[in-house]
Amino acid sequence: MTRYASLVRGINVGGKNKVVMAELRQELTELGMEKVETYINSGNIFFTSTAPKAQLVEKLEAFFGVHYPFIQSFSLLSQEDYEAEVENLPDWWNEDLARKDVLFYTEGLDVDQVIATVESLELKDEVLHFGKRGIFWGKFSEESYSKTAYHKYLLKMPFYRYITIRNAKTFDKIGQMLKK
């Protein structure tokens, strides 16, 4: 039995793409997932399964396509994936920065292209670390945030629609939920 986090992009944001978490938990349970839980209303879904990861990705893509067609992308992260990311985090991730986010790669995304694009950006008062499952991005000051590459360029990138972002607090909570 493996514990997973499915991090869904773009639900319950600004009154759009509404998903009732209680209904989603029930539907995923009926789909065969076990110990289904959610954290806040923004697409953090946790479950256990004996199915291989590739099979779960296909199952979730088909499920979302039928029941929630507005869900175009998600990241499926095992507890092992999460722990590997934590082991390789840079020291700055544990510092008190103004903002820290994880840009999770979603299933089917051309990760090499994303990394090449992000590497070409000129960083302004920010740092980043490329993990296996996402980009860890830190911003040093709130005052300079509007001048960062993250703020000025990221939102305009073609791949932006195919990543799902979680802040450092949610990243930590994902770890806690994966251990349940």
N, C-alpha and C. Protein backbone atom coordinates (compact mmCIF):
# COMPACT_ATOMS: atom_id res chain seq x y z
N MET A 1 0.85 -1.18 0.00
CA MET A 1 0.00 0.00 0.00
C MET A 1 0.89 1.24 0.00
N THR A 2 0.67 2.13 -0.96
CA THR A 2 1.45 3.36 -1.06
C THR A 2 0.53 4.55 -0.83
N ARG A 3 1.04 5.54 -0.14
CA ARG A 3 0.29 6.78 0.12
C ARG A 3 0.68 7.80 -0.94
N TYR A 4 -0.33 8.46 -1.51
CA TYR A 4 -0.13 9.44 -2.58
C TYR A 4 -0.79 10.77 -2.25
N ALA A 5 -0.25 11.82 -2.89
CA ALA A 5 -0.88 13.13 -2.92
C ALA A 5 -1.14 13.45 -4.38
N SER A 6 -2.38 13.75 -4.69
CA SER A 6 -2.72 14.25 -6.02
C SER A 6 -2.94 15.75 -5.86
N LEU A 7 -2.08 16.52 -6.49
CA LEU A 7 -2.14 17.97 -6.38
C LEU A 7 -2.75 18.51 -7.66
N VAL A 8 -4.00 18.89 -7.57
CA VAL A 8 -4.78 19.30 -8.73
C VAL A 8 -4.63 20.81 -8.94
N ARG A 9 -4.53 21.19 -10.19
CA ARG A 9 -4.37 22.60 -10.53
C ARG A 9 -5.71 23.27 -10.80
N GLY A 10 -5.87 24.47 -10.26
CA GLY A 10 -6.94 25.37 -10.68
C GLY A 10 -8.35 25.06 -10.26
N ILE A 11 -8.57 24.46 -9.09
CA ILE A 11 -9.95 24.27 -8.65
C ILE A 11 -10.25 25.19 -7.47
N ASN A 12 -11.51 25.59 -7.38
CA ASN A 12 -11.99 26.44 -6.29
C ASN A 12 -11.16 27.72 -6.15
N VAL A 13 -10.80 28.31 -7.29
CA VAL A 13 -10.02 29.55 -7.28
C VAL A 13 -10.90 30.67 -7.83
N GLY A 14 -11.10 31.69 -7.04
CA GLY A 14 -11.88 32.84 -7.48
C GLY A 14 -13.31 32.50 -7.88
N GLY A 15 -13.90 31.51 -7.24
CA GLY A 15 -15.28 31.13 -7.53
C GLY A 15 -15.44 30.30 -8.79
N LYS A 16 -14.34 29.92 -9.41
CA LYS A 16 -14.41 29.13 -10.64
C LYS A 16 -14.01 27.69 -10.38
N ASN A 17 -14.46 26.81 -11.27
CA ASN A 17 -14.09 25.39 -11.22
C ASN A 17 -14.33 24.80 -9.82
N LYS A 18 -15.56 24.97 -9.37
CA LYS A 18 -15.92 24.54 -8.02
C LYS A 18 -15.98 23.02 -7.90
N VAL A 19 -15.37 22.54 -6.84
CA VAL A 19 -15.38 21.12 -6.50
C VAL A 19 -15.70 21.02 -5.01
N VAL A 20 -16.71 20.24 -4.68
CA VAL A 20 -17.05 20.00 -3.28
C VAL A 20 -16.16 18.85 -2.80
N MET A 21 -15.29 19.13 -1.86
CA MET A 21 -14.30 18.15 -1.42
C MET A 21 -14.94 16.88 -0.86
N ALA A 22 -16.04 16.99 -0.13
CA ALA A 22 -16.69 15.80 0.42
C ALA A 22 -17.17 14.88 -0.71
N GLU A 23 -17.71 15.47 -1.76
CA GLU A 23 -18.16 14.67 -2.91
C GLU A 23 -16.98 14.04 -3.63
N LEU A 24 -15.91 14.80 -3.79
CA LEU A 24 -14.71 14.28 -4.45
C LEU A 24 -14.13 13.11 -3.66
N ARG A 25 -14.06 13.24 -2.34
CA ARG A 25 -13.55 12.14 -1.50
C ARG A 25 -14.39 10.89 -1.70
N GLN A 26 -15.70 11.06 -1.73
CA GLN A 26 -16.61 9.91 -1.91
C GLN A 26 -16.41 9.28 -3.29
N GLU A 27 -16.32 10.10 -4.32
CA GLU A 27 -16.14 9.58 -5.68
C GLU A 27 -14.82 8.82 -5.82
N LEU A 28 -13.77 9.34 -5.23
CA LEU A 28 -12.47 8.66 -5.31
C LEU A 28 -12.47 7.36 -4.51
N THR A 29 -13.20 7.35 -3.42
CA THR A 29 -13.35 6.10 -2.65
C THR A 29 -14.07 5.07 -3.50
N GLU A 30 -15.12 5.48 -4.18
CA GLU A 30 -15.87 4.58 -5.06
C GLU A 30 -15.02 4.11 -6.24
N LEU A 31 -14.02 4.91 -6.61
CA LEU A 31 -13.11 4.58 -7.70
C LEU A 31 -12.06 3.55 -7.26
N GLY A 32 -11.99 3.30 -5.95
CA GLY A 32 -11.06 2.29 -5.44
C GLY A 32 -9.90 2.82 -4.62
N MET A 33 -9.85 4.14 -4.43
CA MET A 33 -8.80 4.70 -3.57
C MET A 33 -9.20 4.45 -2.12
N GLU A 34 -8.21 4.33 -1.25
CA GLU A 34 -8.48 4.11 0.17
C GLU A 34 -7.95 5.26 1.01
N LYS A 35 -8.56 5.43 2.18
CA LYS A 35 -8.15 6.49 3.12
C LYS A 35 -8.04 7.83 2.42
N VAL A 36 -9.08 8.20 1.67
CA VAL A 36 -9.09 9.44 0.90
C VAL A 36 -9.34 10.62 1.84
N GLU A 37 -8.45 11.60 1.76
CA GLU A 37 -8.56 12.82 2.55
C GLU A 37 -8.21 14.01 1.65
N THR A 38 -8.67 15.18 2.07
CA THR A 38 -8.30 16.40 1.36
C THR A 38 -7.80 17.41 2.39
N TYR A 39 -7.01 18.35 1.89
CA TYR A 39 -6.52 19.43 2.74
C TYR A 39 -6.85 20.75 2.06
N ILE A 40 -7.53 21.61 2.75
CA ILE A 40 -8.10 22.86 2.26
C ILE A 40 -8.83 22.62 0.94
N ASN A 41 -9.37 23.66 0.39
CA ASN A 41 -10.26 23.51 -0.77
C ASN A 41 -9.55 23.66 -2.11
N SER A 42 -8.23 23.57 -2.13
CA SER A 42 -7.52 23.92 -3.36
C SER A 42 -6.87 22.75 -4.09
N GLY A 43 -7.41 21.56 -3.93
CA GLY A 43 -6.95 20.46 -4.76
C GLY A 43 -5.82 19.62 -4.20
N ASN A 44 -5.74 19.49 -2.88
CA ASN A 44 -4.75 18.63 -2.25
C ASN A 44 -5.48 17.36 -1.79
N ILE A 45 -5.30 16.28 -2.54
CA ILE A 45 -6.04 15.04 -2.29
C ILE A 45 -5.04 13.95 -1.91
N PHE A 46 -5.36 13.21 -0.85
CA PHE A 46 -4.46 12.16 -0.35
C PHE A 46 -5.21 10.84 -0.32
N PHE A 47 -4.52 9.78 -0.69
CA PHE A 47 -5.13 8.46 -0.66
C PHE A 47 -4.06 7.38 -0.67
N THR A 48 -4.47 6.17 -0.36
CA THR A 48 -3.57 5.02 -0.46
C THR A 48 -4.10 4.10 -1.55
N SER A 49 -3.17 3.36 -2.15
CA SER A 49 -3.54 2.44 -3.22
C SER A 49 -2.44 1.40 -3.41
N THR A 50 -2.84 0.25 -3.91
CA THR A 50 -1.86 -0.79 -4.26
C THR A 50 -1.53 -0.74 -5.75
N ALA A 51 -2.29 0.06 -6.50
CA ALA A 51 -2.08 0.15 -7.95
C ALA A 51 -0.75 0.85 -8.26
N PRO A 52 -0.11 0.46 -9.36
CA PRO A 52 1.11 1.16 -9.77
C PRO A 52 0.80 2.62 -10.13
N LYS A 53 1.80 3.47 -9.96
CA LYS A 53 1.61 4.90 -10.18
C LYS A 53 1.10 5.21 -11.59
N ALA A 54 1.67 4.59 -12.60
CA ALA A 54 1.25 4.86 -13.99
C ALA A 54 -0.24 4.53 -14.18
N GLN A 55 -0.68 3.46 -13.56
CA GLN A 55 -2.10 3.08 -13.65
C GLN A 55 -2.98 4.11 -12.93
N LEU A 56 -2.51 4.61 -11.81
CA LEU A 56 -3.26 5.63 -11.07
C LEU A 56 -3.38 6.92 -11.88
N VAL A 57 -2.31 7.30 -12.56
CA VAL A 57 -2.34 8.50 -13.40
C VAL A 57 -3.42 8.34 -14.47
N GLU A 58 -3.44 7.20 -15.15
CA GLU A 58 -4.44 6.96 -16.18
C GLU A 58 -5.85 6.97 -15.60
N LYS A 59 -6.02 6.34 -14.46
CA LYS A 59 -7.32 6.26 -13.80
C LYS A 59 -7.81 7.66 -13.41
N LEU A 60 -6.92 8.47 -12.85
CA LEU A 60 -7.31 9.82 -12.44
C LEU A 60 -7.59 10.71 -13.65
N GLU A 61 -6.78 10.59 -14.70
CA GLU A 61 -7.04 11.38 -15.91
C GLU A 61 -8.41 11.06 -16.48
N ALA A 62 -8.75 9.78 -16.54
CA ALA A 62 -10.06 9.38 -17.06
C ALA A 62 -11.18 9.88 -16.14
N PHE A 63 -11.00 9.73 -14.85
CA PHE A 63 -12.00 10.18 -13.88
C PHE A 63 -12.24 11.69 -13.99
N PHE A 64 -11.16 12.47 -13.97
CA PHE A 64 -11.31 13.93 -14.06
C PHE A 64 -11.94 14.32 -15.40
N GLY A 65 -11.56 13.63 -16.47
CA GLY A 65 -12.10 13.93 -17.79
C GLY A 65 -13.62 13.78 -17.85
N VAL A 66 -14.15 12.80 -17.13
CA VAL A 66 -15.60 12.56 -17.11
C VAL A 66 -16.31 13.44 -16.09
N HIS A 67 -15.80 13.49 -14.87
CA HIS A 67 -16.50 14.16 -13.77
C HIS A 67 -16.14 15.63 -13.58
N TYR A 68 -14.92 16.00 -13.91
CA TYR A 68 -14.45 17.37 -13.73
C TYR A 68 -13.60 17.77 -14.93
N PRO A 69 -14.22 17.95 -16.10
CA PRO A 69 -13.45 18.20 -17.32
C PRO A 69 -12.60 19.47 -17.29
N PHE A 70 -12.88 20.38 -16.38
CA PHE A 70 -12.06 21.58 -16.26
C PHE A 70 -10.71 21.29 -15.60
N ILE A 71 -10.56 20.12 -14.99
CA ILE A 71 -9.27 19.74 -14.42
C ILE A 71 -8.41 19.21 -15.56
N GLN A 72 -7.44 20.01 -15.96
CA GLN A 72 -6.58 19.68 -17.09
C GLN A 72 -5.25 19.08 -16.67
N SER A 73 -4.85 19.33 -15.41
CA SER A 73 -3.54 18.83 -15.01
C SER A 73 -3.47 18.62 -13.50
N PHE A 74 -2.62 17.68 -13.11
CA PHE A 74 -2.38 17.38 -11.71
C PHE A 74 -1.01 16.72 -11.59
N SER A 75 -0.50 16.73 -10.38
CA SER A 75 0.75 16.06 -10.07
C SER A 75 0.44 14.92 -9.11
N LEU A 76 0.98 13.76 -9.36
CA LEU A 76 0.79 12.62 -8.45
C LEU A 76 2.13 12.34 -7.78
N LEU A 77 2.14 12.47 -6.48
CA LEU A 77 3.36 12.42 -5.69
C LEU A 77 3.22 11.33 -4.63
N SER A 78 4.13 10.38 -4.61
CA SER A 78 4.09 9.35 -3.57
C SER A 78 4.81 9.87 -2.32
N GLN A 79 4.61 9.18 -1.22
CA GLN A 79 5.32 9.55 0.00
C GLN A 79 6.83 9.46 -0.23
N GLU A 80 7.25 8.45 -0.98
CA GLU A 80 8.67 8.29 -1.31
C GLU A 80 9.18 9.48 -2.14
N ASP A 81 8.39 9.93 -3.12
CA ASP A 81 8.75 11.10 -3.93
C ASP A 81 8.96 12.32 -3.03
N TYR A 82 8.02 12.52 -2.11
CA TYR A 82 8.08 13.67 -1.21
C TYR A 82 9.34 13.63 -0.35
N GLU A 83 9.59 12.48 0.24
CA GLU A 83 10.75 12.34 1.13
C GLU A 83 12.06 12.56 0.37
N ALA A 84 12.13 12.12 -0.88
CA ALA A 84 13.33 12.34 -1.69
C ALA A 84 13.53 13.83 -1.94
N GLU A 85 12.45 14.57 -2.17
CA GLU A 85 12.56 16.02 -2.37
C GLU A 85 13.09 16.69 -1.10
N VAL A 86 12.53 16.32 0.04
CA VAL A 86 12.93 16.93 1.31
C VAL A 86 14.41 16.68 1.59
N GLU A 87 14.88 15.48 1.30
CA GLU A 87 16.29 15.13 1.53
C GLU A 87 17.25 15.99 0.71
N ASN A 88 16.80 16.48 -0.44
CA ASN A 88 17.67 17.23 -1.35
C ASN A 88 17.43 18.73 -1.36
N LEU A 89 16.64 19.22 -0.41
CA LEU A 89 16.35 20.66 -0.39
C LEU A 89 17.60 21.47 -0.05
N PRO A 90 17.76 22.62 -0.66
CA PRO A 90 18.91 23.48 -0.33
C PRO A 90 18.70 24.13 1.05
N ASP A 91 19.78 24.61 1.63
CA ASP A 91 19.71 25.23 2.96
C ASP A 91 18.75 26.41 3.00
N TRP A 92 18.69 27.20 1.92
CA TRP A 92 17.85 28.39 1.94
C TRP A 92 16.37 28.06 2.14
N TRP A 93 15.96 26.85 1.81
CA TRP A 93 14.54 26.49 1.98
C TRP A 93 14.12 26.57 3.44
N ASN A 94 15.04 26.34 4.35
CA ASN A 94 14.72 26.38 5.78
C ASN A 94 14.91 27.76 6.39
N GLU A 95 15.29 28.75 5.59
CA GLU A 95 15.45 30.11 6.07
C GLU A 95 14.11 30.84 6.04
N ASP A 96 14.05 31.97 6.72
CA ASP A 96 12.84 32.77 6.80
C ASP A 96 12.80 33.77 5.64
N LEU A 97 12.35 33.33 4.49
CA LEU A 97 12.23 34.18 3.31
C LEU A 97 10.84 34.80 3.26
N ALA A 98 10.68 35.83 2.45
CA ALA A 98 9.38 36.49 2.31
C ALA A 98 8.33 35.54 1.73
N ARG A 99 8.75 34.77 0.72
CA ARG A 99 7.84 33.80 0.09
C ARG A 99 8.65 32.59 -0.36
N LYS A 100 8.03 31.43 -0.22
CA LYS A 100 8.62 30.19 -0.74
C LYS A 100 7.49 29.38 -1.36
N ASP A 101 7.71 28.94 -2.60
CA ASP A 101 6.70 28.17 -3.32
C ASP A 101 7.34 26.96 -3.98
N VAL A 102 6.53 25.93 -4.17
CA VAL A 102 6.94 24.77 -4.96
C VAL A 102 6.06 24.74 -6.20
N LEU A 103 6.69 24.74 -7.36
CA LEU A 103 5.97 24.66 -8.63
C LEU A 103 6.05 23.20 -9.07
N PHE A 104 5.03 22.43 -8.72
CA PHE A 104 5.04 21.01 -9.03
C PHE A 104 4.80 20.77 -10.51
N TYR A 105 5.62 19.91 -11.08
CA TYR A 105 5.41 19.48 -12.47
C TYR A 105 4.17 18.59 -12.48
N THR A 106 3.33 18.77 -13.48
CA THR A 106 2.16 17.90 -13.60
C THR A 106 2.48 16.76 -14.56
N GLU A 107 1.65 15.75 -14.52
CA GLU A 107 1.85 14.56 -15.33
C GLU A 107 1.84 14.93 -16.82
N GLY A 108 2.81 14.44 -17.55
CA GLY A 108 2.88 14.67 -18.99
C GLY A 108 3.59 15.96 -19.39
N LEU A 109 4.01 16.76 -18.44
CA LEU A 109 4.69 18.02 -18.74
C LEU A 109 6.12 17.74 -19.23
N ASP A 110 6.58 18.52 -20.18
CA ASP A 110 7.96 18.41 -20.67
C ASP A 110 8.86 19.14 -19.67
N VAL A 111 9.31 18.41 -18.67
CA VAL A 111 10.09 18.98 -17.57
C VAL A 111 11.39 19.60 -18.06
N ASP A 112 12.08 18.96 -18.99
CA ASP A 112 13.34 19.50 -19.51
C ASP A 112 13.13 20.88 -20.13
N GLN A 113 12.04 21.04 -20.85
CA GLN A 113 11.74 22.34 -21.47
C GLN A 113 11.45 23.39 -20.40
N VAL A 114 10.71 23.02 -19.37
CA VAL A 114 10.41 23.94 -18.28
C VAL A 114 11.70 24.39 -17.60
N ILE A 115 12.57 23.43 -17.29
CA ILE A 115 13.84 23.75 -16.62
C ILE A 115 14.68 24.68 -17.49
N ALA A 116 14.79 24.38 -18.78
CA ALA A 116 15.57 25.23 -19.69
C ALA A 116 15.01 26.64 -19.73
N THR A 117 13.71 26.77 -19.76
CA THR A 117 13.07 28.09 -19.81
C THR A 117 13.35 28.86 -18.51
N VAL A 118 13.15 28.19 -17.38
CA VAL A 118 13.34 28.86 -16.09
C VAL A 118 14.82 29.21 -15.88
N GLU A 119 15.72 28.33 -16.32
CA GLU A 119 17.15 28.62 -16.19
C GLU A 119 17.56 29.86 -16.98
N SER A 120 16.82 30.18 -18.03
CA SER A 120 17.17 31.33 -18.86
C SER A 120 16.73 32.66 -18.25
N LEU A 121 15.94 32.62 -17.20
CA LEU A 121 15.45 33.84 -16.57
C LEU A 121 16.53 34.50 -15.72
N GLU A 122 16.54 35.80 -15.72
CA GLU A 122 17.45 36.54 -14.85
C GLU A 122 16.77 36.73 -13.50
N LEU A 123 17.32 36.12 -12.48
CA LEU A 123 16.71 36.18 -11.15
C LEU A 123 16.96 37.54 -10.50
N LYS A 124 15.96 38.03 -9.80
CA LYS A 124 16.03 39.31 -9.09
C LYS A 124 15.58 39.06 -7.65
N ASP A 125 16.52 39.07 -6.72
CA ASP A 125 16.20 38.91 -5.30
C ASP A 125 15.41 37.62 -5.03
N GLU A 126 15.86 36.55 -5.67
CA GLU A 126 15.17 35.26 -5.54
C GLU A 126 16.16 34.14 -5.80
N VAL A 127 15.81 32.96 -5.35
CA VAL A 127 16.64 31.77 -5.54
C VAL A 127 15.74 30.63 -5.97
N LEU A 128 16.33 29.65 -6.64
CA LEU A 128 15.54 28.48 -6.99
C LEU A 128 16.37 27.21 -6.95
N HIS A 129 15.66 26.12 -6.83
CA HIS A 129 16.25 24.78 -6.77
C HIS A 129 15.36 23.88 -7.61
N PHE A 130 15.99 23.13 -8.52
CA PHE A 130 15.24 22.19 -9.35
C PHE A 130 15.20 20.84 -8.66
N GLY A 131 14.02 20.44 -8.23
CA GLY A 131 13.83 19.12 -7.65
C GLY A 131 13.38 18.15 -8.72
N LYS A 132 13.20 16.91 -8.35
CA LYS A 132 12.72 15.91 -9.32
C LYS A 132 11.23 16.08 -9.64
N ARG A 133 10.46 16.60 -8.68
CA ARG A 133 9.02 16.72 -8.87
C ARG A 133 8.54 18.16 -9.00
N GLY A 134 9.49 19.12 -8.88
CA GLY A 134 9.09 20.51 -9.00
C GLY A 134 10.24 21.46 -8.79
N ILE A 135 9.94 22.75 -8.95
CA ILE A 135 10.91 23.81 -8.76
C ILE A 135 10.60 24.48 -7.42
N PHE A 136 11.60 24.59 -6.59
CA PHE A 136 11.46 25.25 -5.30
C PHE A 136 11.98 26.68 -5.50
N TRP A 137 11.12 27.66 -5.21
CA TRP A 137 11.43 29.04 -5.55
C TRP A 137 11.27 29.91 -4.30
N GLY A 138 12.32 30.63 -3.96
CA GLY A 138 12.28 31.51 -2.80
C GLY A 138 12.45 32.97 -3.20
N LYS A 139 11.68 33.83 -2.54
CA LYS A 139 11.75 35.26 -2.77
C LYS A 139 12.18 35.91 -1.47
N PHE A 140 13.21 36.76 -1.52
CA PHE A 140 13.81 37.31 -0.30
C PHE A 140 13.02 38.44 0.34
N SER A 141 12.38 39.28 -0.46
CA SER A 141 11.70 40.42 0.16
C SER A 141 10.36 40.69 -0.51
N GLU A 142 9.41 41.07 0.30
CA GLU A 142 8.07 41.39 -0.19
C GLU A 142 8.12 42.66 -1.04
N GLU A 143 8.98 43.60 -0.67
CA GLU A 143 9.07 44.88 -1.38
C GLU A 143 9.54 44.70 -2.82
N SER A 144 10.44 43.75 -3.05
CA SER A 144 10.96 43.55 -4.41
C SER A 144 10.22 42.46 -5.18
N TYR A 145 9.17 41.89 -4.58
CA TYR A 145 8.47 40.77 -5.21
C TYR A 145 8.00 41.09 -6.63
N SER A 146 7.47 42.29 -6.85
CA SER A 146 6.93 42.63 -8.17
C SER A 146 8.02 42.73 -9.23
N LYS A 147 9.29 42.75 -8.83
CA LYS A 147 10.40 42.83 -9.78
C LYS A 147 11.06 41.47 -10.02
N THR A 148 10.62 40.45 -9.32
CA THR A 148 11.24 39.13 -9.48
C THR A 148 10.85 38.49 -10.80
N ALA A 149 11.70 37.60 -11.26
CA ALA A 149 11.38 36.82 -12.47
C ALA A 149 10.11 36.00 -12.23
N TYR A 150 9.96 35.52 -11.02
CA TYR A 150 8.76 34.75 -10.66
C TYR A 150 7.51 35.56 -10.95
N HIS A 151 7.47 36.79 -10.49
CA HIS A 151 6.29 37.62 -10.65
C HIS A 151 6.15 38.18 -12.07
N LYS A 152 7.24 38.63 -12.66
CA LYS A 152 7.19 39.31 -13.96
C LYS A 152 7.02 38.36 -15.15
N TYR A 153 7.59 37.15 -15.04
CA TYR A 153 7.64 36.28 -16.22
C TYR A 153 6.90 34.96 -16.08
N LEU A 154 6.90 34.40 -14.90
CA LEU A 154 6.34 33.05 -14.72
C LEU A 154 4.89 32.94 -15.18
N LEU A 155 4.07 33.91 -14.81
CA LEU A 155 2.65 33.86 -15.14
C LEU A 155 2.38 33.89 -16.65
N LYS A 156 3.35 34.37 -17.41
CA LYS A 156 3.20 34.50 -18.86
C LYS A 156 3.78 33.31 -19.62
N MET A 157 4.42 32.40 -18.91
CA MET A 157 5.07 31.25 -19.55
C MET A 157 4.01 30.26 -20.06
N PRO A 158 4.22 29.68 -21.24
CA PRO A 158 3.26 28.71 -21.76
C PRO A 158 3.04 27.51 -20.82
N PHE A 159 4.08 27.11 -20.10
CA PHE A 159 3.94 25.95 -19.22
C PHE A 159 3.20 26.27 -17.93
N TYR A 160 2.95 27.56 -17.65
CA TYR A 160 2.33 27.94 -16.38
C TYR A 160 1.01 27.20 -16.14
N ARG A 161 0.25 26.97 -17.19
CA ARG A 161 -1.04 26.26 -17.07
C ARG A 161 -0.87 24.79 -16.72
N TYR A 162 0.37 24.30 -16.76
CA TYR A 162 0.62 22.88 -16.53
C TYR A 162 1.53 22.62 -15.33
N ILE A 163 1.55 23.60 -14.41
CA ILE A 163 2.21 23.38 -13.14
C ILE A 163 1.17 23.66 -12.06
N THR A 164 1.38 23.14 -10.88
CA THR A 164 0.48 23.44 -9.78
C THR A 164 1.34 23.90 -8.60
N ILE A 165 1.01 25.04 -8.08
CA ILE A 165 1.87 25.71 -7.11
C ILE A 165 1.32 25.56 -5.69
N ARG A 166 2.23 25.27 -4.75
CA ARG A 166 1.89 25.20 -3.34
C ARG A 166 2.94 26.01 -2.56
N ASN A 167 2.50 26.73 -1.54
CA ASN A 167 3.46 27.48 -0.73
C ASN A 167 4.16 26.54 0.25
N ALA A 168 5.16 27.07 0.95
CA ALA A 168 5.97 26.24 1.85
C ALA A 168 5.14 25.61 2.96
N LYS A 169 4.18 26.34 3.48
CA LYS A 169 3.32 25.80 4.55
C LYS A 169 2.53 24.59 4.03
N THR A 170 1.98 24.72 2.84
CA THR A 170 1.22 23.60 2.26
C THR A 170 2.16 22.45 1.91
N PHE A 171 3.36 22.75 1.44
CA PHE A 171 4.34 21.70 1.17
C PHE A 171 4.60 20.89 2.44
N ASP A 172 4.78 21.56 3.56
CA ASP A 172 4.98 20.85 4.83
C ASP A 172 3.77 20.01 5.21
N LYS A 173 2.58 20.56 4.99
CA LYS A 173 1.34 19.84 5.32
C LYS A 173 1.19 18.60 4.43
N ILE A 174 1.61 18.70 3.17
CA ILE A 174 1.57 17.54 2.28
C ILE A 174 2.39 16.41 2.89
N GLY A 175 3.56 16.73 3.41
CA GLY A 175 4.39 15.73 4.07
C GLY A 175 3.69 15.08 5.25
N GLN A 176 3.01 15.88 6.05
CA GLN A 176 2.28 15.34 7.20
C GLN A 176 1.14 14.43 6.75
N MET A 177 0.42 14.85 5.73
CA MET A 177 -0.73 14.07 5.25
C MET A 177 -0.27 12.77 4.59
N LEU A 178 0.88 12.78 3.97
CA LEU A 178 1.41 11.55 3.34
C LEU A 178 1.83 10.52 4.38
N LYS A 179 2.10 10.94 5.59
CA LYS A 179 2.53 10.02 6.64
C LYS A 179 1.37 9.35 7.37
N LYS A 180 0.16 9.78 7.09
CA LYS A 180 -1.02 9.22 7.78
C LYS A 180 -1.28 7.81 7.37
